[in-house]
Amino acid sequence: MIGSSAKSGQHFYYACHNYIKRGKDICSARLIKKKEIELLIIEHIKTHILTEENLTELFNIVLNEINQHKRDSEDQVKIIDKQLEFYKKN
């Protein structure tokens, strides 16, 4: 599917590439209004991808990443503090 516009440039559609380039004889698929298919896609994403289960899993993944970065940063601070302590003594 590729984006296409009406000759007026005011209406937008998605259409089969072959339909646009070679005509109705090659592909009988109809033009689909841009807004219509995009709303269907958004609804599909909401229903099948942005589920509570998937969002919870994503939240946990992000939380684990944040916690790991926090631990790494704390370790780096400890190392730098030890280096500072060493240089203060010498």
PDB file of N, CA and C in Angstrom:
ATOM      1  N   MET A   1       0.839  -1.175   0.000  1.00  0.00           N
ATOM      2  CA  MET A   1       0.000   0.000   0.000  1.00  0.00           C
ATOM      3  C   MET A   1       0.890   1.246   0.000  1.00  0.00           C
ATOM      4  N   ILE A   2       0.486   2.210  -0.759  1.00  0.00           N
ATOM      5  CA  ILE A   2       1.189   3.488  -0.799  1.00  0.00           C
ATOM      6  C   ILE A   2       0.171   4.614  -0.655  1.00  0.00           C
ATOM      7  N   GLY A   3       0.659   5.736  -0.168  1.00  0.00           N
ATOM      8  CA  GLY A   3      -0.201   6.900  -0.043  1.00  0.00           C
ATOM      9  C   GLY A   3      -0.447   7.530  -1.400  1.00  0.00           C
ATOM     10  N   SER A   4      -1.637   8.052  -1.568  1.00  0.00           N
ATOM     11  CA  SER A   4      -2.013   8.671  -2.832  1.00  0.00           C
ATOM     12  C   SER A   4      -3.023   9.768  -2.537  1.00  0.00           C
ATOM     13  N   SER A   5      -3.123  10.716  -3.440  1.00  0.00           N
ATOM     14  CA  SER A   5      -4.124  11.770  -3.252  1.00  0.00           C
ATOM     15  C   SER A   5      -4.990  11.870  -4.498  1.00  0.00           C
ATOM     16  N   ALA A   6      -6.180  12.406  -4.290  1.00  0.00           N
ATOM     17  CA  ALA A   6      -7.067  12.657  -5.427  1.00  0.00           C
ATOM     18  C   ALA A   6      -6.468  13.789  -6.249  1.00  0.00           C
ATOM     19  N   LYS A   7      -6.925  13.941  -7.461  1.00  0.00           N
ATOM     20  CA  LYS A   7      -6.384  14.988  -8.334  1.00  0.00           C
ATOM     21  C   LYS A   7      -6.511  16.369  -7.712  1.00  0.00           C
ATOM     22  N   SER A   8      -7.545  16.576  -6.924  1.00  0.00           N
ATOM     23  CA  SER A   8      -7.747  17.882  -6.284  1.00  0.00           C
ATOM     24  C   SER A   8      -6.712  18.133  -5.189  1.00  0.00           C
ATOM     25  N   GLY A   9      -6.107  17.059  -4.675  1.00  0.00           N
ATOM     26  CA  GLY A   9      -5.136  17.194  -3.594  1.00  0.00           C
ATOM     27  C   GLY A   9      -5.794  17.377  -2.237  1.00  0.00           C
ATOM     28  N   GLN A  10      -7.112  17.276  -2.181  1.00  0.00           N
ATOM     29  CA  GLN A  10      -7.824  17.479  -0.920  1.00  0.00           C
ATOM     30  C   GLN A  10      -8.204  16.166  -0.234  1.00  0.00           C
ATOM     31  N   HIS A  11      -8.194  15.076  -0.953  1.00  0.00           N
ATOM     32  CA  HIS A  11      -8.571  13.777  -0.394  1.00  0.00           C
ATOM     33  C   HIS A  11      -7.379  12.834  -0.523  1.00  0.00           C
ATOM     34  N   PHE A  12      -7.137  12.079   0.548  1.00  0.00           N
ATOM     35  CA  PHE A  12      -5.979  11.192   0.574  1.00  0.00           C
ATOM     36  C   PHE A  12      -6.426   9.755   0.788  1.00  0.00           C
ATOM     37  N   TYR A  13      -5.694   8.858   0.139  1.00  0.00           N
ATOM     38  CA  TYR A  13      -6.038   7.443   0.142  1.00  0.00           C
ATOM     39  C   TYR A  13      -4.773   6.602   0.288  1.00  0.00           C
ATOM     40  N   TYR A  14      -4.997   5.327   0.605  1.00  0.00           N
ATOM     41  CA  TYR A  14      -3.956   4.317   0.472  1.00  0.00           C
ATOM     42  C   TYR A  14      -4.420   3.393  -0.643  1.00  0.00           C
ATOM     43  N   ALA A  15      -3.472   2.978  -1.450  1.00  0.00           N
ATOM     44  CA  ALA A  15      -3.820   2.110  -2.574  1.00  0.00           C
ATOM     45  C   ALA A  15      -2.686   1.134  -2.839  1.00  0.00           C
ATOM     46  N   CYS A  16      -3.029   0.054  -3.501  1.00  0.00           N
ATOM     47  CA  CYS A  16      -2.040  -0.917  -3.942  1.00  0.00           C
ATOM     48  C   CYS A  16      -1.093  -0.231  -4.931  1.00  0.00           C
ATOM     49  N   HIS A  17       0.183  -0.483  -4.775  1.00  0.00           N
ATOM     50  CA  HIS A  17       1.188   0.108  -5.661  1.00  0.00           C
ATOM     51  C   HIS A  17       0.901  -0.257  -7.123  1.00  0.00           C
ATOM     52  N   ASN A  18       0.567  -1.524  -7.359  1.00  0.00           N
ATOM     53  CA  ASN A  18       0.268  -1.966  -8.730  1.00  0.00           C
ATOM     54  C   ASN A  18      -0.968  -1.273  -9.286  1.00  0.00           C
ATOM     55  N   TYR A  19      -1.960  -1.039  -8.437  1.00  0.00           N
ATOM     56  CA  TYR A  19      -3.176  -0.352  -8.871  1.00  0.00           C
ATOM     57  C   TYR A  19      -2.839   1.061  -9.332  1.00  0.00           C
ATOM     58  N   ILE A  20      -2.002   1.749  -8.579  1.00  0.00           N
ATOM     59  CA  ILE A  20      -1.628   3.127  -8.910  1.00  0.00           C
ATOM     60  C   ILE A  20      -0.774   3.166 -10.178  1.00  0.00           C
ATOM     61  N   LYS A  21       0.212   2.279 -10.272  1.00  0.00           N
ATOM     62  CA  LYS A  21       1.167   2.323 -11.382  1.00  0.00           C
ATOM     63  C   LYS A  21       0.660   1.651 -12.659  1.00  0.00           C
ATOM     64  N   ARG A  22      -0.126   0.567 -12.512  1.00  0.00           N
ATOM     65  CA  ARG A  22      -0.499  -0.219 -13.691  1.00  0.00           C
ATOM     66  C   ARG A  22      -1.995  -0.254 -13.976  1.00  0.00           C
ATOM     67  N   GLY A  23      -2.798   0.148 -13.001  1.00  0.00           N
ATOM     68  CA  GLY A  23      -4.230   0.238 -13.256  1.00  0.00           C
ATOM     69  C   GLY A  23      -5.068  -0.899 -12.714  1.00  0.00           C
ATOM     70  N   LYS A  24      -6.380  -0.778 -12.944  1.00  0.00           N
ATOM     71  CA  LYS A  24      -7.374  -1.711 -12.414  1.00  0.00           C
ATOM     72  C   LYS A  24      -7.221  -3.118 -12.975  1.00  0.00           C
ATOM     73  N   ASP A  25      -6.676  -3.242 -14.175  1.00  0.00           N
ATOM     74  CA  ASP A  25      -6.530  -4.565 -14.786  1.00  0.00           C
ATOM     75  C   ASP A  25      -5.533  -5.437 -14.026  1.00  0.00           C
ATOM     76  N   ILE A  26      -4.563  -4.823 -13.388  1.00  0.00           N
ATOM     77  CA  ILE A  26      -3.526  -5.564 -12.663  1.00  0.00           C
ATOM     78  C   ILE A  26      -3.963  -5.865 -11.235  1.00  0.00           C
ATOM     79  N   CYS A  27      -4.636  -4.905 -10.605  1.00  0.00           N
ATOM     80  CA  CYS A  27      -5.051  -5.076  -9.211  1.00  0.00           C
ATOM     81  C   CYS A  27      -6.452  -4.502  -9.036  1.00  0.00           C
ATOM     82  N   SER A  28      -7.322  -5.306  -8.469  1.00  0.00           N
ATOM     83  CA  SER A  28      -8.707  -4.854  -8.296  1.00  0.00           C
ATOM     84  C   SER A  28      -8.965  -4.267  -6.909  1.00  0.00           C
ATOM     85  N   ALA A  29      -7.920  -4.137  -6.102  1.00  0.00           N
ATOM     86  CA  ALA A  29      -8.098  -3.577  -4.755  1.00  0.00           C
ATOM     87  C   ALA A  29      -8.598  -2.144  -4.860  1.00  0.00           C
ATOM     88  N   ARG A  30      -9.517  -1.800  -3.975  1.00  0.00           N
ATOM     89  CA  ARG A  30     -10.079  -0.456  -4.009  1.00  0.00           C
ATOM     90  C   ARG A  30      -9.196   0.517  -3.236  1.00  0.00           C
ATOM     91  N   LEU A  31      -9.414   1.781  -3.477  1.00  0.00           N
ATOM     92  CA  LEU A  31      -8.736   2.808  -2.700  1.00  0.00           C
ATOM     93  C   LEU A  31      -9.334   2.817  -1.298  1.00  0.00           C
ATOM     94  N   ILE A  32      -8.497   3.036  -0.307  1.00  0.00           N
ATOM     95  CA  ILE A  32      -8.971   3.107   1.072  1.00  0.00           C
ATOM     96  C   ILE A  32      -8.685   4.506   1.593  1.00  0.00           C
ATOM     97  N   LYS A  33      -9.705   5.142   2.136  1.00  0.00           N
ATOM     98  CA  LYS A  33      -9.528   6.495   2.662  1.00  0.00           C
ATOM     99  C   LYS A  33      -8.474   6.488   3.755  1.00  0.00           C
ATOM    100  N   LYS A  34      -7.564   7.452   3.682  1.00  0.00           N
ATOM    101  CA  LYS A  34      -6.448   7.561   4.618  1.00  0.00           C
ATOM    102  C   LYS A  34      -6.945   7.587   6.062  1.00  0.00           C
ATOM    103  N   LYS A  35      -7.889   8.444   6.349  1.00  0.00           N
ATOM    104  CA  LYS A  35      -8.394   8.596   7.711  1.00  0.00           C
ATOM    105  C   LYS A  35      -9.019   7.289   8.211  1.00  0.00           C
ATOM    106  N   GLU A  36      -9.752   6.619   7.321  1.00  0.00           N
ATOM    107  CA  GLU A  36     -10.440   5.377   7.677  1.00  0.00           C
ATOM    108  C   GLU A  36      -9.454   4.293   8.105  1.00  0.00           C
ATOM    109  N   ILE A  37      -8.434   4.061   7.298  1.00  0.00           N
ATOM    110  CA  ILE A  37      -7.484   2.988   7.617  1.00  0.00           C
ATOM    111  C   ILE A  37      -6.604   3.362   8.806  1.00  0.00           C
ATOM    112  N   GLU A  38      -6.245   4.635   8.929  1.00  0.00           N
ATOM    113  CA  GLU A  38      -5.419   5.048  10.059  1.00  0.00           C
ATOM    114  C   GLU A  38      -6.177   4.906  11.374  1.00  0.00           C
ATOM    115  N   LEU A  39      -7.473   5.199  11.387  1.00  0.00           N
ATOM    116  CA  LEU A  39      -8.280   4.995  12.595  1.00  0.00           C
ATOM    117  C   LEU A  39      -8.374   3.510  12.942  1.00  0.00           C
ATOM    118  N   LEU A  40      -8.505   2.656  11.928  1.00  0.00           N
ATOM    119  CA  LEU A  40      -8.538   1.212  12.169  1.00  0.00           C
ATOM    120  C   LEU A  40      -7.216   0.719  12.750  1.00  0.00           C
ATOM    121  N   ILE A  41      -6.125   1.236  12.232  1.00  0.00           N
ATOM    122  CA  ILE A  41      -4.802   0.838  12.726  1.00  0.00           C
ATOM    123  C   ILE A  41      -4.620   1.288  14.167  1.00  0.00           C
ATOM    124  N   ILE A  42      -4.999   2.516  14.474  1.00  0.00           N
ATOM    125  CA  ILE A  42      -4.887   3.022  15.846  1.00  0.00           C
ATOM    126  C   ILE A  42      -5.731   2.168  16.790  1.00  0.00           C
ATOM    127  N   GLU A  43      -6.934   1.834  16.386  1.00  0.00           N
ATOM    128  CA  GLU A  43      -7.806   1.001  17.220  1.00  0.00           C
ATOM    129  C   GLU A  43      -7.191  -0.379  17.426  1.00  0.00           C
ATOM    130  N   HIS A  44      -6.600  -0.937  16.380  1.00  0.00           N
ATOM    131  CA  HIS A  44      -5.939  -2.246  16.486  1.00  0.00           C
ATOM    132  C   HIS A  44      -4.762  -2.176  17.466  1.00  0.00           C
ATOM    133  N   ILE A  45      -3.992  -1.119  17.390  1.00  0.00           N
ATOM    134  CA  ILE A  45      -2.860  -0.939  18.311  1.00  0.00           C
ATOM    135  C   ILE A  45      -3.365  -0.854  19.746  1.00  0.00           C
ATOM    136  N   LYS A  46      -4.403  -0.060  19.973  1.00  0.00           N
ATOM    137  CA  LYS A  46      -4.961   0.076  21.325  1.00  0.00           C
ATOM    138  C   LYS A  46      -5.458  -1.267  21.856  1.00  0.00           C
ATOM    139  N   THR A  47      -6.119  -2.026  21.005  1.00  0.00           N
ATOM    140  CA  THR A  47      -6.744  -3.278  21.424  1.00  0.00           C
ATOM    141  C   THR A  47      -5.743  -4.412  21.608  1.00  0.00           C
ATOM    142  N   HIS A  48      -4.757  -4.500  20.709  1.00  0.00           N
ATOM    143  CA  HIS A  48      -3.872  -5.666  20.708  1.00  0.00           C
ATOM    144  C   HIS A  48      -2.467  -5.407  21.240  1.00  0.00           C
ATOM    145  N   ILE A  49      -2.025  -4.178  21.252  1.00  0.00           N
ATOM    146  CA  ILE A  49      -0.654  -3.889  21.675  1.00  0.00           C
ATOM    147  C   ILE A  49      -0.624  -3.145  23.004  1.00  0.00           C
ATOM    148  N   LEU A  50      -1.446  -2.133  23.139  1.00  0.00           N
ATOM    149  CA  LEU A  50      -1.451  -1.331  24.361  1.00  0.00           C
ATOM    150  C   LEU A  50      -2.391  -1.937  25.406  1.00  0.00           C
ATOM    151  N   THR A  51      -2.233  -3.229  25.631  1.00  0.00           N
ATOM    152  CA  THR A  51      -3.050  -3.920  26.628  1.00  0.00           C
ATOM    153  C   THR A  51      -2.461  -3.686  28.013  1.00  0.00           C
ATOM    154  N   GLU A  52      -3.269  -3.912  29.027  1.00  0.00           N
ATOM    155  CA  GLU A  52      -2.786  -3.745  30.402  1.00  0.00           C
ATOM    156  C   GLU A  52      -1.597  -4.664  30.664  1.00  0.00           C
ATOM    157  N   GLU A  53      -1.671  -5.875  30.158  1.00  0.00           N
ATOM    158  CA  GLU A  53      -0.579  -6.838  30.346  1.00  0.00           C
ATOM    159  C   GLU A  53       0.716  -6.337  29.697  1.00  0.00           C
ATOM    160  N   ASN A  54       0.635  -5.874  28.460  1.00  0.00           N
ATOM    161  CA  ASN A  54       1.826  -5.377  27.765  1.00  0.00           C
ATOM    162  C   ASN A  54       2.375  -4.119  28.419  1.00  0.00           C
ATOM    163  N   LEU A  55       1.488  -3.225  28.840  1.00  0.00           N
ATOM    164  CA  LEU A  55       1.947  -1.994  29.488  1.00  0.00           C
ATOM    165  C   LEU A  55       2.593  -2.294  30.833  1.00  0.00           C
ATOM    166  N   THR A  56       2.057  -3.262  31.571  1.00  0.00           N
ATOM    167  CA  THR A  56       2.661  -3.665  32.843  1.00  0.00           C
ATOM    168  C   THR A  56       4.048  -4.245  32.605  1.00  0.00           C
ATOM    169  N   GLU A  57       4.163  -5.082  31.592  1.00  0.00           N
ATOM    170  CA  GLU A  57       5.470  -5.665  31.260  1.00  0.00           C
ATOM    171  C   GLU A  57       6.463  -4.575  30.856  1.00  0.00           C
ATOM    172  N   LEU A  58       6.023  -3.646  30.043  1.00  0.00           N
ATOM    173  CA  LEU A  58       6.882  -2.537  29.632  1.00  0.00           C
ATOM    174  C   LEU A  58       7.304  -1.709  30.839  1.00  0.00           C
ATOM    175  N   PHE A  59       6.367  -1.422  31.727  1.00  0.00           N
ATOM    176  CA  PHE A  59       6.668  -0.674  32.945  1.00  0.00           C
ATOM    177  C   PHE A  59       7.753  -1.385  33.748  1.00  0.00           C
ATOM    178  N   ASN A  60       7.619  -2.695  33.918  1.00  0.00           N
ATOM    179  CA  ASN A  60       8.604  -3.462  34.686  1.00  0.00           C
ATOM    180  C   ASN A  60       9.972  -3.462  34.013  1.00  0.00           C
ATOM    181  N   ILE A  61       9.997  -3.553  32.704  1.00  0.00           N
ATOM    182  CA  ILE A  61      11.269  -3.506  31.976  1.00  0.00           C
ATOM    183  C   ILE A  61      11.947  -2.158  32.186  1.00  0.00           C
ATOM    184  N   VAL A  62      11.184  -1.089  32.045  1.00  0.00           N
ATOM    185  CA  VAL A  62      11.737   0.260  32.220  1.00  0.00           C
ATOM    186  C   VAL A  62      12.202   0.454  33.659  1.00  0.00           C
ATOM    187  N   LEU A  63      11.402   0.006  34.618  1.00  0.00           N
ATOM    188  CA  LEU A  63      11.776   0.136  36.027  1.00  0.00           C
ATOM    189  C   LEU A  63      13.074  -0.611  36.320  1.00  0.00           C
ATOM    190  N   ASN A  64      13.225  -1.810  35.779  1.00  0.00           N
ATOM    191  CA  ASN A  64      14.465  -2.573  35.962  1.00  0.00           C
ATOM    192  C   ASN A  64      15.658  -1.848  35.348  1.00  0.00           C
ATOM    193  N   GLU A  65      15.459  -1.266  34.170  1.00  0.00           N
ATOM    194  CA  GLU A  65      16.539  -0.506  33.524  1.00  0.00           C
ATOM    195  C   GLU A  65      16.938   0.696  34.377  1.00  0.00           C
ATOM    196  N   ILE A  66      15.955   1.408  34.887  1.00  0.00           N
ATOM    197  CA  ILE A  66      16.231   2.580  35.734  1.00  0.00           C
ATOM    198  C   ILE A  66      16.992   2.155  36.981  1.00  0.00           C
ATOM    199  N   ASN A  67      16.550   1.074  37.606  1.00  0.00           N
ATOM    200  CA  ASN A  67      17.225   0.597  38.815  1.00  0.00           C
ATOM    201  C   ASN A  67      18.659   0.168  38.522  1.00  0.00           C
ATOM    202  N   GLN A  68      18.875  -0.469  37.379  1.00  0.00           N
ATOM    203  CA  GLN A  68      20.234  -0.876  37.010  1.00  0.00           C
ATOM    204  C   GLN A  68      21.125   0.341  36.790  1.00  0.00           C
ATOM    205  N   HIS A  69      20.601   1.358  36.101  1.00  0.00           N
ATOM    206  CA  HIS A  69      21.372   2.587  35.887  1.00  0.00           C
ATOM    207  C   HIS A  69      21.664   3.282  37.211  1.00  0.00           C
ATOM    208  N   LYS A  70      20.716   3.232  38.123  1.00  0.00           N
ATOM    209  CA  LYS A  70      20.915   3.836  39.445  1.00  0.00           C
ATOM    210  C   LYS A  70      22.043   3.117  40.184  1.00  0.00           C
ATOM    211  N   ARG A  71      22.020   1.781  40.161  1.00  0.00           N
ATOM    212  CA  ARG A  71      23.085   1.010  40.821  1.00  0.00           C
ATOM    213  C   ARG A  71      24.443   1.301  40.181  1.00  0.00           C
ATOM    214  N   ASP A  72      24.470   1.360  38.857  1.00  0.00           N
ATOM    215  CA  ASP A  72      25.719   1.663  38.158  1.00  0.00           C
ATOM    216  C   ASP A  72      26.238   3.042  38.546  1.00  0.00           C
ATOM    217  N   SER A  73      25.343   4.001  38.619  1.00  0.00           N
ATOM    218  CA  SER A  73      25.741   5.367  38.990  1.00  0.00           C
ATOM    219  C   SER A  73      26.251   5.410  40.421  1.00  0.00           C
ATOM    220  N   GLU A  74      25.579   4.701  41.311  1.00  0.00           N
ATOM    221  CA  GLU A  74      26.020   4.660  42.708  1.00  0.00           C
ATOM    222  C   GLU A  74      27.405   4.028  42.811  1.00  0.00           C
ATOM    223  N   ASP A  75      27.656   2.989  42.028  1.00  0.00           N
ATOM    224  CA  ASP A  75      28.975   2.350  42.016  1.00  0.00           C
ATOM    225  C   ASP A  75      30.041   3.325  41.516  1.00  0.00           C
ATOM    226  N   GLN A  76      29.713   4.081  40.491  1.00  0.00           N
ATOM    227  CA  GLN A  76      30.664   5.063  39.961  1.00  0.00           C
ATOM    228  C   GLN A  76      30.956   6.150  40.989  1.00  0.00           C
ATOM    229  N   VAL A  77      29.944   6.577  41.704  1.00  0.00           N
ATOM    230  CA  VAL A  77      30.134   7.598  42.744  1.00  0.00           C
ATOM    231  C   VAL A  77      31.052   7.050  43.833  1.00  0.00           C
ATOM    232  N   LYS A  78      30.885   5.802  44.235  1.00  0.00           N
ATOM    233  CA  LYS A  78      31.742   5.190  45.254  1.00  0.00           C
ATOM    234  C   LYS A  78      33.196   5.162  44.784  1.00  0.00           C
ATOM    235  N   ILE A  79      33.402   4.802  43.538  1.00  0.00           N
ATOM    236  CA  ILE A  79      34.762   4.752  42.986  1.00  0.00           C
ATOM    237  C   ILE A  79      35.385   6.145  42.993  1.00  0.00           C
ATOM    238  N   ILE A  80      34.629   7.122  42.552  1.00  0.00           N
ATOM    239  CA  ILE A  80      35.136   8.502  42.513  1.00  0.00           C
ATOM    240  C   ILE A  80      35.412   9.004  43.926  1.00  0.00           C
ATOM    241  N   ASP A  81      34.540   8.685  44.875  1.00  0.00           N
ATOM    242  CA  ASP A  81      34.762   9.087  46.271  1.00  0.00           C
ATOM    243  C   ASP A  81      36.049   8.476  46.811  1.00  0.00           C
ATOM    244  N   LYS A  82      36.307   7.211  46.495  1.00  0.00           N
ATOM    245  CA  LYS A  82      37.536   6.552  46.944  1.00  0.00           C
ATOM    246  C   LYS A  82      38.761   7.219  46.321  1.00  0.00           C
ATOM    247  N   GLN A  83      38.657   7.572  45.044  1.00  0.00           N
ATOM    248  CA  GLN A  83      39.764   8.257  44.379  1.00  0.00           C
ATOM    249  C   GLN A  83      40.011   9.619  45.013  1.00  0.00           C
ATOM    250  N   LEU A  84      38.968  10.340  45.304  1.00  0.00           N
ATOM    251  CA  LEU A  84      39.107  11.648  45.953  1.00  0.00           C
ATOM    252  C   LEU A  84      39.749  11.503  47.324  1.00  0.00           C
ATOM    253  N   GLU A  85      39.314  10.516  48.062  1.00  0.00           N
ATOM    254  CA  GLU A  85      39.872  10.261  49.393  1.00  0.00           C
ATOM    255  C   GLU A  85      41.367   9.952  49.286  1.00  0.00           C
ATOM    256  N   PHE A  86      41.724   9.156  48.299  1.00  0.00           N
ATOM    257  CA  PHE A  86      43.133   8.813  48.089  1.00  0.00           C
ATOM    258  C   PHE A  86      43.963  10.065  47.793  1.00  0.00           C
ATOM    259  N   TYR A  87      43.474  10.923  46.912  1.00  0.00           N
ATOM    260  CA  TYR A  87      44.218  12.123  46.527  1.00  0.00           C
ATOM    261  C   TYR A  87      44.268  13.149  47.645  1.00  0.00           C
ATOM    262  N   LYS A  88      43.276  13.165  48.493  1.00  0.00           N
ATOM    263  CA  LYS A  88      43.292  14.086  49.636  1.00  0.00           C
ATOM    264  C   LYS A  88      44.362  13.682  50.641  1.00  0.00           C
ATOM    265  N   LYS A  89      44.586  12.377  50.781  1.00  0.00           N
ATOM    266  CA  LYS A  89      45.577  11.870  51.730  1.00  0.00           C
ATOM    267  C   LYS A  89      46.995  12.103  51.221  1.00  0.00           C
ATOM    268  N   ASN A  90      47.166  12.126  49.935  1.00  0.00           N
ATOM    269  CA  ASN A  90      48.523  12.239  49.360  1.00  0.00           C
ATOM    270  C   ASN A  90      48.843  13.624  48.959  1.00  0.00           C
TER     271      ASN A  90
END
